[in-house]
Amino acid sequence: MRAKVLNIWPEINWIENKKLREKTLDCWVYAIENSVLTIEDLQTIPFSLLIKDCKISFMNHKRTAVQLSVDIAKRMKENFGDEIQINMDFLISGAILIDVGKLIEYDKVNG
């Protein structure tokens, strides 16, 4: 399962701190193992049920959010220099984990 999670979440490997990287991965493994959703579901279900005919998948949306978070942090560092300290490992892990609980909360209705 760990390899499958890393396949859908290559951004986990952006986390330099090994302990935090492993905990982030463990959290996703736990969520998938305890969810009615499969890894395949995450790549096909819409990221929002509030958007009619939403074509953007849960994983596409989540990965894009992580990537944008990193891009924004880099831009902030460029613009603000030493005036701001950003722990990139915390930022990346937090962005990856922000919606992991949805896997436990979601339920399949009519397939």
C-alpha atoms as a PDB file:
ATOM      1  CA  MET A   1       0.000   0.000   0.000  1.00  0.00           C
ATOM      2  CA  ARG A   2       2.883   2.379   0.758  1.00  0.00           C
ATOM      3  CA  ALA A   3       4.108   2.176  -2.838  1.00  0.00           C
ATOM      4  CA  LYS A   4       0.593   2.855  -4.124  1.00  0.00           C
ATOM      5  CA  VAL A   5       0.267   5.925  -1.916  1.00  0.00           C
ATOM      6  CA  LEU A   6       3.639   7.222  -3.081  1.00  0.00           C
ATOM      7  CA  ASN A   7       2.481   6.676  -6.646  1.00  0.00           C
ATOM      8  CA  ILE A   8      -0.513   8.984  -6.202  1.00  0.00           C
ATOM      9  CA  TRP A   9       1.400  11.338  -3.866  1.00  0.00           C
ATOM     10  CA  PRO A  10       4.924  11.812  -5.306  1.00  0.00           C
ATOM     11  CA  GLU A  11       5.011  15.132  -3.432  1.00  0.00           C
ATOM     12  CA  ILE A  12       5.494  13.186  -0.193  1.00  0.00           C
ATOM     13  CA  ASN A  13       9.091  12.737  -1.311  1.00  0.00           C
ATOM     14  CA  TRP A  14       9.527  16.530  -1.279  1.00  0.00           C
ATOM     15  CA  ILE A  15       9.518  16.321   2.530  1.00  0.00           C
ATOM     16  CA  GLU A  16      13.185  16.276   3.521  1.00  0.00           C
ATOM     17  CA  ASN A  17      12.701  15.288   7.169  1.00  0.00           C
ATOM     18  CA  LYS A  18      12.532  11.488   7.046  1.00  0.00           C
ATOM     19  CA  LYS A  19      10.456  11.131  10.221  1.00  0.00           C
ATOM     20  CA  LEU A  20       7.848  13.645   9.038  1.00  0.00           C
ATOM     21  CA  ARG A  21       7.836  12.114   5.545  1.00  0.00           C
ATOM     22  CA  GLU A  22       7.153   8.657   7.021  1.00  0.00           C
ATOM     23  CA  LYS A  23       4.407   9.953   9.328  1.00  0.00           C
ATOM     24  CA  THR A  24       2.738  11.750   6.426  1.00  0.00           C
ATOM     25  CA  LEU A  25       2.859   8.566   4.362  1.00  0.00           C
ATOM     26  CA  ASP A  26       1.611   6.453   7.294  1.00  0.00           C
ATOM     27  CA  CYS A  27      -1.373   8.746   7.734  1.00  0.00           C
ATOM     28  CA  TRP A  28      -2.417   8.326   4.107  1.00  0.00           C
ATOM     29  CA  VAL A  29      -1.895   4.558   4.228  1.00  0.00           C
ATOM     30  CA  TYR A  30      -4.097   4.354   7.342  1.00  0.00           C
ATOM     31  CA  ALA A  31      -6.806   6.502   5.753  1.00  0.00           C
ATOM     32  CA  ILE A  32      -6.953   4.453   2.567  1.00  0.00           C
ATOM     33  CA  GLU A  33      -6.930   1.156   4.454  1.00  0.00           C
ATOM     34  CA  ASN A  34      -9.880   2.388   6.544  1.00  0.00           C
ATOM     35  CA  SER A  35     -11.860   4.027   3.762  1.00  0.00           C
ATOM     36  CA  VAL A  36     -14.630   2.750   1.526  1.00  0.00           C
ATOM     37  CA  LEU A  37     -12.758   4.539  -1.265  1.00  0.00           C
ATOM     38  CA  THR A  38      -9.939   2.962  -3.223  1.00  0.00           C
ATOM     39  CA  ILE A  39      -6.858   4.651  -4.615  1.00  0.00           C
ATOM     40  CA  GLU A  40      -8.495   4.387  -8.018  1.00  0.00           C
ATOM     41  CA  ASP A  41     -11.612   6.153  -6.681  1.00  0.00           C
ATOM     42  CA  LEU A  42      -9.500   9.093  -5.538  1.00  0.00           C
ATOM     43  CA  GLN A  43      -8.297   9.610  -9.075  1.00  0.00           C
ATOM     44  CA  THR A  44     -11.818   9.668 -10.503  1.00  0.00           C
ATOM     45  CA  ILE A  45     -14.212  11.104  -7.906  1.00  0.00           C
ATOM     46  CA  PRO A  46     -14.810  14.858  -8.178  1.00  0.00           C
ATOM     47  CA  PHE A  47     -13.055  17.016  -5.620  1.00  0.00           C
ATOM     48  CA  SER A  48     -16.367  18.719  -4.847  1.00  0.00           C
ATOM     49  CA  LEU A  49     -19.964  17.600  -4.958  1.00  0.00           C
ATOM     50  CA  LEU A  50     -21.036  21.244  -4.861  1.00  0.00           C
ATOM     51  CA  ILE A  51     -19.854  21.894  -8.428  1.00  0.00           C
ATOM     52  CA  LYS A  52     -22.279  20.533 -11.010  1.00  0.00           C
ATOM     53  CA  ASP A  53     -20.572  18.074 -13.373  1.00  0.00           C
ATOM     54  CA  CYS A  54     -17.182  18.665 -11.747  1.00  0.00           C
ATOM     55  CA  LYS A  55     -14.506  17.016 -13.912  1.00  0.00           C
ATOM     56  CA  ILE A  56     -11.530  17.718 -11.626  1.00  0.00           C
ATOM     57  CA  SER A  57     -10.640  14.684  -9.541  1.00  0.00           C
ATOM     58  CA  PHE A  58      -9.982  14.644  -5.813  1.00  0.00           C
ATOM     59  CA  MET A  59      -6.300  13.797  -6.345  1.00  0.00           C
ATOM     60  CA  ASN A  60      -5.759  16.291  -9.151  1.00  0.00           C
ATOM     61  CA  HIS A  61      -7.161  19.045  -6.954  1.00  0.00           C
ATOM     62  CA  LYS A  62      -5.188  17.962  -3.869  1.00  0.00           C
ATOM     63  CA  ARG A  63      -1.873  17.635  -5.698  1.00  0.00           C
ATOM     64  CA  THR A  64      -2.371  20.995  -7.383  1.00  0.00           C
ATOM     65  CA  ALA A  65      -3.019  22.591  -3.985  1.00  0.00           C
ATOM     66  CA  VAL A  66       0.257  21.170  -2.631  1.00  0.00           C
ATOM     67  CA  GLN A  67       2.186  22.336  -5.683  1.00  0.00           C
ATOM     68  CA  LEU A  68       0.683  25.827  -5.469  1.00  0.00           C
ATOM     69  CA  SER A  69       1.466  26.019  -1.747  1.00  0.00           C
ATOM     70  CA  VAL A  70       5.126  25.324  -2.472  1.00  0.00           C
ATOM     71  CA  ASP A  71       5.172  27.844  -5.331  1.00  0.00           C
ATOM     72  CA  ILE A  72       3.606  30.525  -3.122  1.00  0.00           C
ATOM     73  CA  ALA A  73       6.071  29.843  -0.299  1.00  0.00           C
ATOM     74  CA  LYS A  74       9.001  30.157  -2.709  1.00  0.00           C
ATOM     75  CA  ARG A  75       7.636  33.450  -4.039  1.00  0.00           C
ATOM     76  CA  MET A  76       7.169  34.750  -0.500  1.00  0.00           C
ATOM     77  CA  LYS A  77      10.778  33.834   0.300  1.00  0.00           C
ATOM     78  CA  GLU A  78      11.941  35.654  -2.858  1.00  0.00           C
ATOM     79  CA  ASN A  79       9.946  38.768  -2.002  1.00  0.00           C
ATOM     80  CA  PHE A  80      10.387  38.885   1.770  1.00  0.00           C
ATOM     81  CA  GLY A  81      13.827  37.338   2.183  1.00  0.00           C
ATOM     82  CA  ASP A  82      14.825  36.754   5.789  1.00  0.00           C
ATOM     83  CA  GLU A  83      11.766  38.620   7.088  1.00  0.00           C
ATOM     84  CA  ILE A  84       9.796  35.397   6.897  1.00  0.00           C
ATOM     85  CA  GLN A  85      10.722  31.860   7.898  1.00  0.00           C
ATOM     86  CA  ILE A  86       8.859  29.013   6.223  1.00  0.00           C
ATOM     87  CA  ASN A  87       9.357  25.406   7.232  1.00  0.00           C
ATOM     88  CA  MET A  88       8.829  23.783   3.846  1.00  0.00           C
ATOM     89  CA  ASP A  89       8.509  20.297   5.332  1.00  0.00           C
ATOM     90  CA  PHE A  90       5.651  21.424   7.586  1.00  0.00           C
ATOM     91  CA  LEU A  91       4.028  23.277   4.698  1.00  0.00           C
ATOM     92  CA  ILE A  92       4.208  20.287   2.336  1.00  0.00           C
ATOM     93  CA  SER A  93       3.071  17.765   4.942  1.00  0.00           C
ATOM     94  CA  GLY A  94       0.221  20.009   6.049  1.00  0.00           C
ATOM     95  CA  ALA A  95      -0.941  20.570   2.492  1.00  0.00           C
ATOM     96  CA  ILE A  96      -0.853  16.819   1.804  1.00  0.00           C
ATOM     97  CA  LEU A  97      -2.732  15.987   5.013  1.00  0.00           C
ATOM     98  CA  ILE A  98      -5.316  18.785   4.999  1.00  0.00           C
ATOM     99  CA  ASP A  99      -8.126  16.619   3.599  1.00  0.00           C
ATOM    100  CA  VAL A 100      -6.950  13.108   4.482  1.00  0.00           C
ATOM    101  CA  GLY A 101      -9.836  12.814   6.954  1.00  0.00           C
ATOM    102  CA  LYS A 102     -12.308  12.965   4.081  1.00  0.00           C
ATOM    103  CA  LEU A 103     -11.319   9.419   3.174  1.00  0.00           C
ATOM    104  CA  ILE A 104     -12.743   8.256   6.498  1.00  0.00           C
ATOM    105  CA  GLU A 105     -15.766  10.577   6.333  1.00  0.00           C
ATOM    106  CA  TYR A 106     -16.852   9.781   2.775  1.00  0.00           C
ATOM    107  CA  ASP A 107     -19.305   7.030   1.970  1.00  0.00           C
ATOM    108  CA  LYS A 108     -20.209   5.465  -1.345  1.00  0.00           C
ATOM    109  CA  VAL A 109     -23.830   5.853  -2.350  1.00  0.00           C
ATOM    110  CA  ASN A 110     -25.118   3.844  -5.307  1.00  0.00           C
ATOM    111  CA  GLY A 111     -21.583   2.787  -6.260  1.00  0.00           C
END
